[in-house]
């Protein structure tokens, strides 16, 4: 057994793992989120007959906007179980401050803890997404940045059965320095991801935009 080789191989695996984690968290996943939500919006509006709500969310009306989306889905016979509400941090705060939302007060270790974080509304899971990842249109020439004419998506109510999101991960590798790479290590990853709105289930999406 060659200990030196074992250490080198272990270090290489650890290095690739660390690079992949940083790459995914700082670049790949945010770009994927931006692509996915803008692609959903483009396909949803392109199917015809689908229009987004343009009412500006406020503390006073945010719950009504949500309930309107829910009612529309009920009328379209979208299953209630499996719905998820994606909101920006600003809308999430409005929901916390909405008068109709109750507050949970718990006694812990003889102290009073007030919990204002909301994890679901009417059994619909709530997910907060940074506003820069919730736009209708992006430019992906280098990274992901809002494109000209892009609008802010404030709320997205969706059912998990209305979309298809195939993902195929091929490989990741770290090539050693060479003349071609100018003596630099090169990280390489290959994967295929996309998202599609199922035409016959487009009623399972609702958007509110500004």
N, C-alpha and C. Protein backbone atom coordinates (compact mmCIF):
# COMPACT_ATOMS: atom_id res chain seq x y z
N UNK A 1 0.85 -1.20 0.00
CA UNK A 1 0.00 0.00 0.00
C UNK A 1 0.87 1.24 0.00
N UNK A 2 0.62 2.16 -0.89
CA UNK A 2 1.39 3.39 -0.99
C UNK A 2 0.63 4.50 -0.25
N UNK A 3 1.13 4.84 0.95
CA UNK A 3 0.44 5.82 1.78
C UNK A 3 0.36 7.18 1.10
N UNK A 4 1.43 7.57 0.43
CA UNK A 4 1.44 8.86 -0.24
C UNK A 4 0.34 8.98 -1.26
N UNK A 5 0.17 7.89 -2.05
CA UNK A 5 -0.89 7.91 -3.07
C UNK A 5 -2.26 7.98 -2.41
N UNK A 6 -2.46 7.23 -1.31
CA UNK A 6 -3.75 7.25 -0.61
C UNK A 6 -4.09 8.66 -0.13
N UNK A 7 -3.07 9.34 0.43
CA UNK A 7 -3.30 10.70 0.93
C UNK A 7 -3.64 11.63 -0.23
N UNK A 8 -2.88 11.50 -1.34
CA UNK A 8 -3.13 12.35 -2.50
C UNK A 8 -4.55 12.14 -3.03
N UNK A 9 -4.97 10.88 -3.12
CA UNK A 9 -6.30 10.59 -3.65
C UNK A 9 -7.38 11.10 -2.71
N UNK A 10 -7.14 10.95 -1.40
CA UNK A 10 -8.12 11.43 -0.43
C UNK A 10 -8.24 12.94 -0.50
N UNK A 11 -7.09 13.63 -0.60
CA UNK A 11 -7.10 15.08 -0.71
C UNK A 11 -7.81 15.53 -1.97
N UNK A 12 -7.63 14.80 -3.07
CA UNK A 12 -8.28 15.15 -4.33
C UNK A 12 -9.79 15.03 -4.20
N UNK A 13 -10.25 13.93 -3.58
CA UNK A 13 -11.69 13.74 -3.39
C UNK A 13 -12.26 14.82 -2.50
N UNK A 14 -11.55 15.13 -1.43
CA UNK A 14 -12.01 16.17 -0.51
C UNK A 14 -12.05 17.52 -1.20
N UNK A 15 -11.04 17.82 -2.01
CA UNK A 15 -10.99 19.08 -2.74
C UNK A 15 -12.16 19.21 -3.70
N UNK A 16 -12.42 18.16 -4.48
CA UNK A 16 -13.54 18.18 -5.42
C UNK A 16 -14.86 18.37 -4.68
N UNK A 17 -15.00 17.69 -3.53
CA UNK A 17 -16.23 17.82 -2.74
C UNK A 17 -16.43 19.25 -2.27
N UNK A 18 -15.35 19.87 -1.76
CA UNK A 18 -15.44 21.25 -1.27
C UNK A 18 -15.75 22.22 -2.41
N UNK A 19 -15.07 22.04 -3.54
CA UNK A 19 -15.30 22.93 -4.68
C UNK A 19 -16.73 22.80 -5.18
N UNK A 20 -17.21 21.56 -5.28
CA UNK A 20 -18.57 21.33 -5.75
C UNK A 20 -19.58 21.99 -4.83
N UNK A 21 -19.37 21.88 -3.52
CA UNK A 21 -20.29 22.49 -2.55
C UNK A 21 -20.32 24.01 -2.69
N UNK A 22 -19.15 24.62 -2.77
CA UNK A 22 -19.08 26.07 -2.91
C UNK A 22 -19.69 26.51 -4.24
N UNK A 23 -19.34 25.81 -5.31
CA UNK A 23 -19.88 26.13 -6.64
C UNK A 23 -21.40 26.04 -6.66
N UNK A 24 -21.93 24.96 -6.07
CA UNK A 24 -23.38 24.78 -6.05
C UNK A 24 -24.08 25.87 -5.25
N UNK A 25 -23.55 26.18 -4.06
CA UNK A 25 -24.23 27.11 -3.17
C UNK A 25 -24.12 28.56 -3.63
N UNK A 26 -23.02 28.91 -4.25
CA UNK A 26 -22.80 30.32 -4.60
C UNK A 26 -23.16 30.65 -6.04
N UNK A 27 -23.17 29.66 -6.92
CA UNK A 27 -23.42 29.97 -8.33
C UNK A 27 -24.48 29.08 -8.96
N UNK A 28 -24.30 27.78 -8.92
CA UNK A 28 -25.18 26.89 -9.66
C UNK A 28 -26.62 26.94 -9.17
N UNK A 29 -26.85 26.73 -7.87
CA UNK A 29 -28.21 26.67 -7.36
C UNK A 29 -28.96 27.99 -7.53
N UNK A 30 -28.35 29.17 -7.22
CA UNK A 30 -29.06 30.42 -7.47
C UNK A 30 -29.41 30.62 -8.94
N UNK A 31 -28.49 30.24 -9.84
CA UNK A 31 -28.78 30.38 -11.27
C UNK A 31 -29.88 29.41 -11.69
N UNK A 32 -29.87 28.21 -11.15
CA UNK A 32 -30.93 27.24 -11.45
C UNK A 32 -32.28 27.75 -10.98
N UNK A 33 -32.32 28.29 -9.76
CA UNK A 33 -33.58 28.82 -9.24
C UNK A 33 -34.10 29.94 -10.12
N UNK A 34 -33.20 30.84 -10.55
CA UNK A 34 -33.60 31.95 -11.42
C UNK A 34 -34.13 31.42 -12.75
N UNK A 35 -33.42 30.45 -13.31
CA UNK A 35 -33.85 29.88 -14.59
C UNK A 35 -35.19 29.17 -14.45
N UNK A 36 -35.33 28.37 -13.41
CA UNK A 36 -36.55 27.58 -13.24
C UNK A 36 -37.78 28.47 -13.10
N UNK A 37 -37.72 29.48 -12.23
CA UNK A 37 -38.92 30.27 -11.99
C UNK A 37 -39.26 31.14 -13.20
N UNK A 38 -38.24 31.68 -13.88
CA UNK A 38 -38.52 32.48 -15.07
C UNK A 38 -39.03 31.61 -16.21
N UNK A 39 -38.53 30.37 -16.31
CA UNK A 39 -39.01 29.44 -17.34
C UNK A 39 -40.45 29.04 -17.06
N UNK A 40 -40.78 28.81 -15.80
CA UNK A 40 -42.16 28.48 -15.45
C UNK A 40 -43.11 29.61 -15.84
N UNK A 41 -42.68 30.85 -15.53
CA UNK A 41 -43.53 32.00 -15.84
C UNK A 41 -43.71 32.14 -17.35
N UNK A 42 -42.63 31.99 -18.11
CA UNK A 42 -42.71 32.13 -19.56
C UNK A 42 -43.60 31.07 -20.17
N UNK A 43 -43.45 29.83 -19.75
CA UNK A 43 -44.27 28.76 -20.31
C UNK A 43 -45.73 28.90 -19.88
N UNK A 44 -45.93 29.27 -18.62
CA UNK A 44 -47.30 29.42 -18.10
C UNK A 44 -48.06 30.51 -18.85
N UNK A 45 -47.43 31.67 -19.04
CA UNK A 45 -48.11 32.76 -19.76
C UNK A 45 -48.21 32.46 -21.25
N UNK A 46 -47.31 31.63 -21.77
CA UNK A 46 -47.33 31.31 -23.18
C UNK A 46 -48.37 30.28 -23.57
N UNK A 47 -48.97 29.62 -22.58
CA UNK A 47 -49.96 28.60 -22.90
C UNK A 47 -51.30 29.19 -23.32
N UNK A 48 -51.50 30.49 -23.03
CA UNK A 48 -52.75 31.14 -23.43
C UNK A 48 -53.79 31.07 -22.34
N UNK A 49 -54.42 32.20 -22.09
CA UNK A 49 -55.48 32.24 -21.08
C UNK A 49 -54.98 32.35 -19.66
N UNK A 50 -53.65 32.40 -19.48
CA UNK A 50 -53.08 32.49 -18.15
C UNK A 50 -52.52 33.90 -17.93
N UNK A 51 -53.02 34.59 -16.94
CA UNK A 51 -52.52 35.93 -16.63
C UNK A 51 -52.20 36.02 -15.14
N UNK A 52 -51.14 36.74 -14.84
CA UNK A 52 -50.71 36.90 -13.46
C UNK A 52 -51.45 38.04 -12.79
N UNK A 53 -51.63 37.93 -11.49
CA UNK A 53 -52.19 39.03 -10.70
C UNK A 53 -51.15 40.14 -10.62
N UNK A 54 -51.60 41.38 -10.78
CA UNK A 54 -50.68 42.52 -10.71
C UNK A 54 -51.02 43.44 -9.54
N UNK A 55 -51.88 42.98 -8.65
CA UNK A 55 -52.21 43.76 -7.46
C UNK A 55 -50.99 43.83 -6.55
N UNK A 56 -50.66 45.01 -6.09
CA UNK A 56 -49.50 45.18 -5.22
C UNK A 56 -49.78 44.62 -3.83
N UNK A 57 -49.01 43.65 -3.36
CA UNK A 57 -49.25 43.09 -2.03
C UNK A 57 -49.00 44.11 -0.93
N UNK A 58 -49.89 44.13 0.05
CA UNK A 58 -49.74 44.95 1.24
C UNK A 58 -50.13 44.12 2.45
N UNK A 59 -49.85 44.63 3.62
CA UNK A 59 -50.25 43.92 4.84
C UNK A 59 -51.76 43.72 4.85
N UNK A 60 -52.49 44.70 4.32
CA UNK A 60 -53.95 44.65 4.36
C UNK A 60 -54.54 43.65 3.37
N UNK A 61 -53.87 43.43 2.22
CA UNK A 61 -54.52 42.59 1.20
C UNK A 61 -53.79 41.29 0.89
N UNK A 62 -52.62 41.04 1.50
CA UNK A 62 -51.82 39.89 1.11
C UNK A 62 -52.54 38.57 1.35
N UNK A 63 -53.29 38.48 2.43
CA UNK A 63 -54.03 37.24 2.68
C UNK A 63 -55.15 37.06 1.68
N UNK A 64 -55.78 38.16 1.28
CA UNK A 64 -56.84 38.08 0.28
C UNK A 64 -56.27 37.64 -1.07
N UNK A 65 -55.08 38.12 -1.43
CA UNK A 65 -54.44 37.69 -2.67
C UNK A 65 -54.18 36.19 -2.63
N UNK A 66 -53.70 35.73 -1.50
CA UNK A 66 -53.45 34.29 -1.35
C UNK A 66 -54.74 33.49 -1.46
N UNK A 67 -55.78 33.95 -0.77
CA UNK A 67 -57.05 33.23 -0.79
C UNK A 67 -57.66 33.22 -2.19
N UNK A 68 -57.47 34.30 -2.95
CA UNK A 68 -57.98 34.33 -4.32
C UNK A 68 -57.29 33.28 -5.18
N UNK A 69 -55.96 33.17 -5.02
CA UNK A 69 -55.23 32.12 -5.74
C UNK A 69 -55.75 30.73 -5.36
N UNK A 70 -55.95 30.53 -4.07
CA UNK A 70 -56.45 29.24 -3.59
C UNK A 70 -57.82 28.94 -4.16
N UNK A 71 -58.70 29.94 -4.17
CA UNK A 71 -60.06 29.75 -4.68
C UNK A 71 -60.03 29.39 -6.17
N UNK A 72 -59.18 30.08 -6.93
CA UNK A 72 -59.07 29.80 -8.36
C UNK A 72 -58.60 28.36 -8.58
N UNK A 73 -57.64 27.90 -7.78
CA UNK A 73 -57.18 26.53 -7.91
C UNK A 73 -58.27 25.54 -7.52
N UNK A 74 -59.04 25.88 -6.48
CA UNK A 74 -60.16 25.01 -6.08
C UNK A 74 -61.15 24.85 -7.23
N UNK A 75 -61.46 25.98 -7.90
CA UNK A 75 -62.40 25.94 -9.02
C UNK A 75 -61.84 25.10 -10.18
N UNK A 76 -60.53 25.10 -10.33
CA UNK A 76 -59.90 24.33 -11.40
C UNK A 76 -59.58 22.90 -10.97
N UNK A 77 -60.04 22.53 -9.80
CA UNK A 77 -59.89 21.16 -9.27
C UNK A 77 -58.43 20.75 -9.09
N UNK A 78 -57.61 21.73 -8.71
CA UNK A 78 -56.22 21.42 -8.36
C UNK A 78 -56.22 20.84 -6.95
N UNK A 79 -55.59 19.70 -6.72
CA UNK A 79 -55.57 19.10 -5.38
C UNK A 79 -55.03 20.07 -4.33
N UNK A 80 -55.64 20.07 -3.16
CA UNK A 80 -55.18 20.96 -2.10
C UNK A 80 -53.87 20.47 -1.49
N UNK A 81 -53.75 19.18 -1.35
CA UNK A 81 -52.51 18.61 -0.79
C UNK A 81 -51.41 18.70 -1.85
N UNK A 82 -50.30 19.30 -1.47
CA UNK A 82 -49.17 19.42 -2.40
C UNK A 82 -48.95 20.83 -2.90
N UNK A 83 -49.79 21.78 -2.49
CA UNK A 83 -49.59 23.16 -2.90
C UNK A 83 -48.48 23.80 -2.06
N UNK A 84 -47.67 24.64 -2.73
CA UNK A 84 -46.57 25.35 -2.06
C UNK A 84 -46.64 26.81 -2.46
N UNK A 85 -46.46 27.71 -1.50
CA UNK A 85 -46.47 29.14 -1.76
C UNK A 85 -45.05 29.68 -1.62
N UNK A 86 -44.50 30.20 -2.72
CA UNK A 86 -43.18 30.81 -2.72
C UNK A 86 -43.35 32.33 -2.67
N UNK A 87 -42.67 32.97 -1.75
CA UNK A 87 -42.82 34.43 -1.58
C UNK A 87 -41.46 35.08 -1.39
N UNK A 88 -41.39 36.38 -1.69
CA UNK A 88 -40.19 37.15 -1.43
C UNK A 88 -40.12 37.47 0.07
N UNK A 89 -38.96 37.88 0.57
CA UNK A 89 -38.87 38.27 1.99
C UNK A 89 -39.84 39.38 2.36
N UNK A 90 -40.09 40.32 1.45
CA UNK A 90 -41.02 41.41 1.75
C UNK A 90 -42.43 40.89 1.96
N UNK A 91 -42.87 39.98 1.09
CA UNK A 91 -44.21 39.40 1.23
C UNK A 91 -44.27 38.52 2.46
N UNK A 92 -43.20 37.82 2.74
CA UNK A 92 -43.16 36.99 3.94
C UNK A 92 -43.38 37.83 5.20
N UNK A 93 -42.76 39.01 5.21
CA UNK A 93 -42.96 39.92 6.35
C UNK A 93 -44.40 40.40 6.42
N UNK A 94 -45.00 40.70 5.27
CA UNK A 94 -46.40 41.13 5.26
C UNK A 94 -47.30 40.05 5.85
N UNK A 95 -47.01 38.81 5.51
CA UNK A 95 -47.82 37.71 6.04
C UNK A 95 -47.68 37.62 7.56
N UNK A 96 -46.46 37.84 8.06
CA UNK A 96 -46.24 37.80 9.51
C UNK A 96 -47.01 38.92 10.21
N UNK A 97 -47.12 40.07 9.52
CA UNK A 97 -47.75 41.23 10.14
C UNK A 97 -49.25 41.31 9.87
N UNK A 98 -49.77 40.44 9.01
CA UNK A 98 -51.19 40.48 8.68
C UNK A 98 -52.03 40.24 9.92
N UNK A 99 -53.09 41.01 10.06
CA UNK A 99 -53.90 40.97 11.28
C UNK A 99 -54.54 39.61 11.50
N UNK A 100 -54.88 38.90 10.44
CA UNK A 100 -55.60 37.64 10.60
C UNK A 100 -54.68 36.48 10.97
N UNK A 101 -53.36 36.70 10.93
CA UNK A 101 -52.43 35.64 11.31
C UNK A 101 -52.25 35.63 12.82
N UNK A 102 -52.51 34.50 13.43
CA UNK A 102 -52.36 34.39 14.88
C UNK A 102 -50.91 34.32 15.29
N UNK A 103 -50.65 34.58 16.52
CA UNK A 103 -49.31 34.51 17.06
C UNK A 103 -49.23 33.35 18.06
N UNK A 104 -48.12 32.64 18.01
CA UNK A 104 -47.92 31.52 18.92
C UNK A 104 -47.00 31.95 20.05
N UNK A 105 -47.51 31.87 21.27
CA UNK A 105 -46.73 32.25 22.44
C UNK A 105 -46.47 30.99 23.27
N UNK A 106 -45.21 30.68 23.47
CA UNK A 106 -44.86 29.49 24.20
C UNK A 106 -44.00 29.85 25.40
N UNK A 107 -44.19 29.06 26.48
CA UNK A 107 -43.37 29.23 27.67
C UNK A 107 -42.23 28.23 27.61
N UNK A 108 -41.01 28.75 27.61
CA UNK A 108 -39.86 27.88 27.53
C UNK A 108 -38.87 28.28 28.61
N UNK A 109 -38.54 27.32 29.46
CA UNK A 109 -37.57 27.56 30.53
C UNK A 109 -37.92 28.80 31.35
N UNK A 110 -39.20 28.95 31.65
CA UNK A 110 -39.72 30.04 32.47
C UNK A 110 -39.58 31.41 31.80
N UNK A 111 -39.34 31.42 30.51
CA UNK A 111 -39.30 32.69 29.77
C UNK A 111 -40.38 32.66 28.69
N UNK A 112 -40.77 33.81 28.22
CA UNK A 112 -41.80 33.90 27.19
C UNK A 112 -41.15 34.07 25.83
N UNK A 113 -41.47 33.18 24.91
CA UNK A 113 -40.94 33.25 23.55
C UNK A 113 -42.08 33.51 22.59
N UNK A 114 -41.98 34.56 21.79
CA UNK A 114 -43.01 34.88 20.81
C UNK A 114 -42.52 34.44 19.44
N UNK A 115 -43.26 33.52 18.83
CA UNK A 115 -42.89 32.98 17.53
C UNK A 115 -43.73 33.65 16.45
N UNK A 116 -43.07 34.37 15.54
CA UNK A 116 -43.79 35.03 14.45
C UNK A 116 -43.49 34.39 13.10
N UNK A 117 -42.56 33.44 13.05
CA UNK A 117 -42.24 32.80 11.79
C UNK A 117 -43.41 31.93 11.34
N UNK A 118 -43.77 32.05 10.06
CA UNK A 118 -44.87 31.28 9.49
C UNK A 118 -44.29 30.22 8.58
N UNK A 119 -44.71 28.98 8.78
CA UNK A 119 -44.23 27.89 7.93
C UNK A 119 -45.30 27.37 6.99
N UNK A 120 -46.57 27.67 7.28
CA UNK A 120 -47.64 27.27 6.38
C UNK A 120 -48.87 28.13 6.63
N UNK A 121 -49.71 28.23 5.60
CA UNK A 121 -50.98 28.95 5.68
C UNK A 121 -52.05 28.02 5.12
N UNK A 122 -53.06 27.73 5.92
CA UNK A 122 -54.13 26.82 5.49
C UNK A 122 -53.54 25.51 4.97
N UNK A 123 -52.52 25.01 5.66
CA UNK A 123 -51.86 23.76 5.31
C UNK A 123 -51.08 23.83 3.99
N UNK A 124 -50.85 25.03 3.49
CA UNK A 124 -50.01 25.22 2.31
C UNK A 124 -48.61 25.61 2.78
N UNK A 125 -47.61 24.84 2.38
CA UNK A 125 -46.24 25.09 2.82
C UNK A 125 -45.75 26.43 2.27
N UNK A 126 -45.09 27.19 3.13
CA UNK A 126 -44.59 28.50 2.76
C UNK A 126 -43.07 28.45 2.60
N UNK A 127 -42.57 28.92 1.45
CA UNK A 127 -41.13 28.95 1.20
C UNK A 127 -40.73 30.37 0.84
N UNK A 128 -39.77 30.93 1.57
CA UNK A 128 -39.27 32.27 1.29
C UNK A 128 -38.08 32.18 0.34
N UNK A 129 -38.11 33.01 -0.71
CA UNK A 129 -37.06 33.01 -1.73
C UNK A 129 -36.54 34.43 -1.89
N UNK A 130 -35.21 34.64 -1.94
CA UNK A 130 -34.68 35.99 -2.16
C UNK A 130 -35.30 36.63 -3.40
N UNK A 131 -35.59 37.91 -3.32
CA UNK A 131 -36.31 38.58 -4.41
C UNK A 131 -35.53 38.57 -5.72
N UNK A 132 -34.19 38.56 -5.65
CA UNK A 132 -33.42 38.57 -6.90
C UNK A 132 -33.47 37.23 -7.63
N UNK A 133 -34.03 36.20 -6.98
CA UNK A 133 -34.23 34.91 -7.64
C UNK A 133 -35.68 34.74 -8.09
N UNK A 134 -36.48 35.79 -7.92
CA UNK A 134 -37.91 35.72 -8.26
C UNK A 134 -38.23 36.80 -9.29
N UNK A 135 -37.69 36.66 -10.49
CA UNK A 135 -37.93 37.61 -11.58
C UNK A 135 -38.53 36.87 -12.77
N UNK A 136 -39.22 37.62 -13.63
CA UNK A 136 -39.87 36.98 -14.78
C UNK A 136 -38.93 36.72 -15.94
N UNK A 137 -37.78 37.42 -15.98
CA UNK A 137 -36.89 37.28 -17.12
C UNK A 137 -35.45 37.56 -16.69
N UNK A 138 -34.53 36.71 -17.15
CA UNK A 138 -33.12 36.85 -16.79
C UNK A 138 -32.23 36.83 -18.03
N UNK A 139 -31.07 37.42 -17.86
CA UNK A 139 -30.00 37.31 -18.85
C UNK A 139 -28.97 36.35 -18.27
N UNK A 140 -28.69 35.26 -18.99
CA UNK A 140 -27.78 34.22 -18.49
C UNK A 140 -26.46 34.21 -19.25
N UNK A 141 -26.12 35.33 -19.91
CA UNK A 141 -24.85 35.37 -20.63
C UNK A 141 -23.66 35.13 -19.70
N UNK A 142 -23.73 35.71 -18.52
CA UNK A 142 -22.70 35.49 -17.49
C UNK A 142 -23.38 35.54 -16.14
N UNK A 143 -23.54 34.38 -15.54
CA UNK A 143 -24.33 34.32 -14.31
C UNK A 143 -25.80 34.51 -14.63
N UNK A 144 -26.54 35.07 -13.70
CA UNK A 144 -27.96 35.35 -13.89
C UNK A 144 -28.26 36.74 -13.35
N UNK A 145 -28.73 37.60 -14.23
CA UNK A 145 -29.11 38.94 -13.80
C UNK A 145 -30.42 39.32 -14.48
N UNK A 146 -31.27 40.10 -13.82
CA UNK A 146 -32.55 40.48 -14.41
C UNK A 146 -32.36 41.14 -15.78
N UNK A 147 -33.14 40.70 -16.74
CA UNK A 147 -33.05 41.24 -18.10
C UNK A 147 -33.94 42.46 -18.23
N UNK A 148 -33.74 43.20 -19.31
CA UNK A 148 -34.57 44.35 -19.59
C UNK A 148 -36.03 43.93 -19.70
N UNK A 149 -36.91 44.62 -19.01
CA UNK A 149 -38.32 44.27 -19.03
C UNK A 149 -38.72 43.26 -17.97
N UNK A 150 -37.75 42.80 -17.19
CA UNK A 150 -38.05 41.83 -16.14
C UNK A 150 -38.93 42.45 -15.06
N UNK A 151 -39.84 41.64 -14.52
CA UNK A 151 -40.73 42.10 -13.46
C UNK A 151 -40.56 41.23 -12.23
N UNK A 152 -40.86 41.81 -11.08
CA UNK A 152 -40.69 41.10 -9.82
C UNK A 152 -41.85 40.14 -9.60
N UNK A 153 -41.52 38.89 -9.29
CA UNK A 153 -42.53 37.92 -8.87
C UNK A 153 -42.62 37.99 -7.35
N UNK A 154 -43.78 38.37 -6.85
CA UNK A 154 -43.98 38.50 -5.41
C UNK A 154 -44.42 37.19 -4.77
N UNK A 155 -45.31 36.49 -5.47
CA UNK A 155 -45.88 35.25 -4.94
C UNK A 155 -46.04 34.25 -6.08
N UNK A 156 -45.73 33.02 -5.78
CA UNK A 156 -45.98 31.92 -6.71
C UNK A 156 -46.62 30.78 -5.94
N UNK A 157 -47.86 30.49 -6.28
CA UNK A 157 -48.55 29.35 -5.67
C UNK A 157 -48.54 28.23 -6.70
N UNK A 158 -47.97 27.11 -6.34
CA UNK A 158 -47.86 26.02 -7.29
C UNK A 158 -48.14 24.67 -6.68
N UNK A 159 -48.58 23.75 -7.53
CA UNK A 159 -48.78 22.36 -7.11
C UNK A 159 -47.71 21.51 -7.77
N UNK A 160 -47.16 20.59 -7.01
CA UNK A 160 -46.00 19.84 -7.50
C UNK A 160 -46.30 18.93 -8.69
N UNK A 161 -47.57 18.72 -9.01
CA UNK A 161 -47.92 17.82 -10.12
C UNK A 161 -47.98 18.53 -11.46
N UNK A 162 -47.87 19.86 -11.47
CA UNK A 162 -48.07 20.61 -12.72
C UNK A 162 -46.78 20.87 -13.47
N UNK A 163 -45.64 20.47 -12.90
CA UNK A 163 -44.36 20.70 -13.56
C UNK A 163 -43.56 19.41 -13.63
N UNK A 164 -42.66 19.37 -14.61
CA UNK A 164 -41.69 18.28 -14.71
C UNK A 164 -40.30 18.91 -14.69
N UNK A 165 -39.45 18.39 -13.83
CA UNK A 165 -38.11 18.96 -13.67
C UNK A 165 -37.06 17.86 -13.74
N UNK A 166 -36.73 17.40 -14.97
CA UNK A 166 -35.72 16.34 -15.11
C UNK A 166 -34.33 16.84 -14.74
N UNK A 167 -33.60 16.01 -14.03
CA UNK A 167 -32.22 16.32 -13.64
C UNK A 167 -31.35 15.10 -13.91
N UNK A 168 -30.27 15.32 -14.63
CA UNK A 168 -29.31 14.23 -14.89
C UNK A 168 -27.92 14.73 -14.56
N UNK A 169 -27.33 14.18 -13.52
CA UNK A 169 -25.97 14.56 -13.12
C UNK A 169 -25.00 13.57 -13.74
N UNK A 170 -24.01 14.09 -14.48
CA UNK A 170 -23.07 13.22 -15.18
C UNK A 170 -21.80 13.02 -14.37
N UNK A 171 -21.07 14.10 -14.13
CA UNK A 171 -19.81 13.95 -13.41
C UNK A 171 -19.24 15.31 -13.03
N UNK A 172 -18.27 15.28 -12.11
CA UNK A 172 -17.47 16.45 -11.78
C UNK A 172 -16.03 15.98 -11.64
N UNK A 173 -15.10 16.82 -12.02
CA UNK A 173 -13.70 16.41 -11.97
C UNK A 173 -12.82 17.64 -11.79
N UNK A 174 -11.60 17.38 -11.37
CA UNK A 174 -10.62 18.44 -11.18
C UNK A 174 -9.38 18.05 -11.97
N UNK A 175 -9.12 18.80 -13.06
CA UNK A 175 -7.98 18.49 -13.91
C UNK A 175 -6.72 19.15 -13.37
N UNK A 176 -5.63 18.41 -13.45
CA UNK A 176 -4.35 18.91 -12.94
C UNK A 176 -3.83 20.04 -13.83
N UNK A 177 -2.97 20.89 -13.30
CA UNK A 177 -2.40 21.99 -14.10
C UNK A 177 -1.69 21.46 -15.34
N UNK A 178 -1.82 22.23 -16.42
CA UNK A 178 -1.18 21.85 -17.67
C UNK A 178 -0.85 23.12 -18.44
N UNK A 179 -0.17 22.93 -19.56
CA UNK A 179 0.15 24.08 -20.40
C UNK A 179 -1.12 24.73 -20.94
N UNK A 180 -2.11 23.90 -21.28
CA UNK A 180 -3.36 24.42 -21.83
C UNK A 180 -4.13 25.26 -20.81
N UNK A 181 -4.01 24.89 -19.54
CA UNK A 181 -4.72 25.64 -18.49
C UNK A 181 -3.84 26.70 -17.83
N UNK A 182 -2.64 26.94 -18.43
CA UNK A 182 -1.70 27.93 -17.91
C UNK A 182 -1.31 27.62 -16.46
N UNK A 183 -1.08 26.32 -16.21
CA UNK A 183 -0.64 25.83 -14.90
C UNK A 183 -1.67 26.07 -13.79
N UNK A 184 -2.95 26.12 -14.16
CA UNK A 184 -4.02 26.28 -13.18
C UNK A 184 -4.85 25.01 -13.08
N UNK A 185 -5.35 24.74 -11.87
CA UNK A 185 -6.29 23.64 -11.69
C UNK A 185 -7.61 24.03 -12.35
N UNK A 186 -8.27 23.10 -13.01
CA UNK A 186 -9.53 23.38 -13.70
C UNK A 186 -10.63 22.47 -13.15
N UNK A 187 -11.68 23.08 -12.60
CA UNK A 187 -12.83 22.32 -12.11
C UNK A 187 -13.84 22.18 -13.24
N UNK A 188 -14.35 20.98 -13.43
CA UNK A 188 -15.26 20.70 -14.54
C UNK A 188 -16.45 19.90 -14.01
N UNK A 189 -17.64 20.31 -14.41
CA UNK A 189 -18.85 19.58 -14.01
C UNK A 189 -19.81 19.51 -15.18
N UNK A 190 -20.44 18.38 -15.35
CA UNK A 190 -21.44 18.22 -16.40
C UNK A 190 -22.73 17.71 -15.79
N UNK A 191 -23.82 18.43 -16.06
CA UNK A 191 -25.13 18.02 -15.57
C UNK A 191 -26.18 18.62 -16.50
N UNK A 192 -27.35 18.01 -16.53
CA UNK A 192 -28.44 18.49 -17.37
C UNK A 192 -29.68 18.68 -16.49
N UNK A 193 -30.23 19.89 -16.51
CA UNK A 193 -31.44 20.17 -15.75
C UNK A 193 -32.37 21.04 -16.59
N UNK A 194 -33.67 20.89 -16.38
CA UNK A 194 -34.63 21.76 -17.04
C UNK A 194 -35.96 21.66 -16.29
N UNK A 195 -36.90 22.48 -16.67
CA UNK A 195 -38.21 22.45 -16.04
C UNK A 195 -39.26 22.77 -17.10
N UNK A 196 -40.40 22.11 -17.02
CA UNK A 196 -41.46 22.29 -18.00
C UNK A 196 -42.81 22.35 -17.28
N UNK A 197 -43.69 23.18 -17.81
CA UNK A 197 -45.07 23.21 -17.32
C UNK A 197 -45.87 22.20 -18.12
N UNK A 198 -46.56 21.30 -17.43
CA UNK A 198 -47.40 20.33 -18.11
C UNK A 198 -48.66 21.04 -18.61
N UNK A 199 -48.87 21.04 -19.92
CA UNK A 199 -49.92 21.85 -20.53
C UNK A 199 -51.30 21.57 -19.94
N UNK A 200 -51.61 20.32 -19.71
CA UNK A 200 -52.95 19.98 -19.22
C UNK A 200 -53.10 20.22 -17.72
N UNK A 201 -52.02 20.68 -17.06
CA UNK A 201 -52.09 20.95 -15.63
C UNK A 201 -51.60 22.37 -15.29
N UNK A 202 -51.67 23.26 -16.27
CA UNK A 202 -51.18 24.63 -16.07
C UNK A 202 -51.97 25.37 -15.00
N UNK A 203 -53.18 24.91 -14.70
CA UNK A 203 -53.99 25.55 -13.66
C UNK A 203 -53.37 25.40 -12.28
N UNK A 204 -52.35 24.56 -12.18
CA UNK A 204 -51.69 24.36 -10.89
C UNK A 204 -50.63 25.40 -10.57
N UNK A 205 -50.61 26.50 -11.34
CA UNK A 205 -49.69 27.61 -11.06
C UNK A 205 -50.47 28.91 -11.00
N UNK A 206 -50.06 29.78 -10.06
CA UNK A 206 -50.61 31.14 -9.97
C UNK A 206 -49.48 32.08 -9.58
N UNK A 207 -49.42 33.24 -10.25
CA UNK A 207 -48.37 34.22 -10.01
C UNK A 207 -48.96 35.56 -9.60
N UNK A 208 -48.24 36.28 -8.75
CA UNK A 208 -48.49 37.69 -8.49
C UNK A 208 -47.20 38.42 -8.79
N UNK A 209 -47.26 39.42 -9.69
CA UNK A 209 -46.06 40.14 -10.11
C UNK A 209 -46.24 41.63 -9.95
N UNK A 210 -45.13 42.33 -9.90
CA UNK A 210 -45.12 43.79 -9.87
C UNK A 210 -44.49 44.29 -11.16
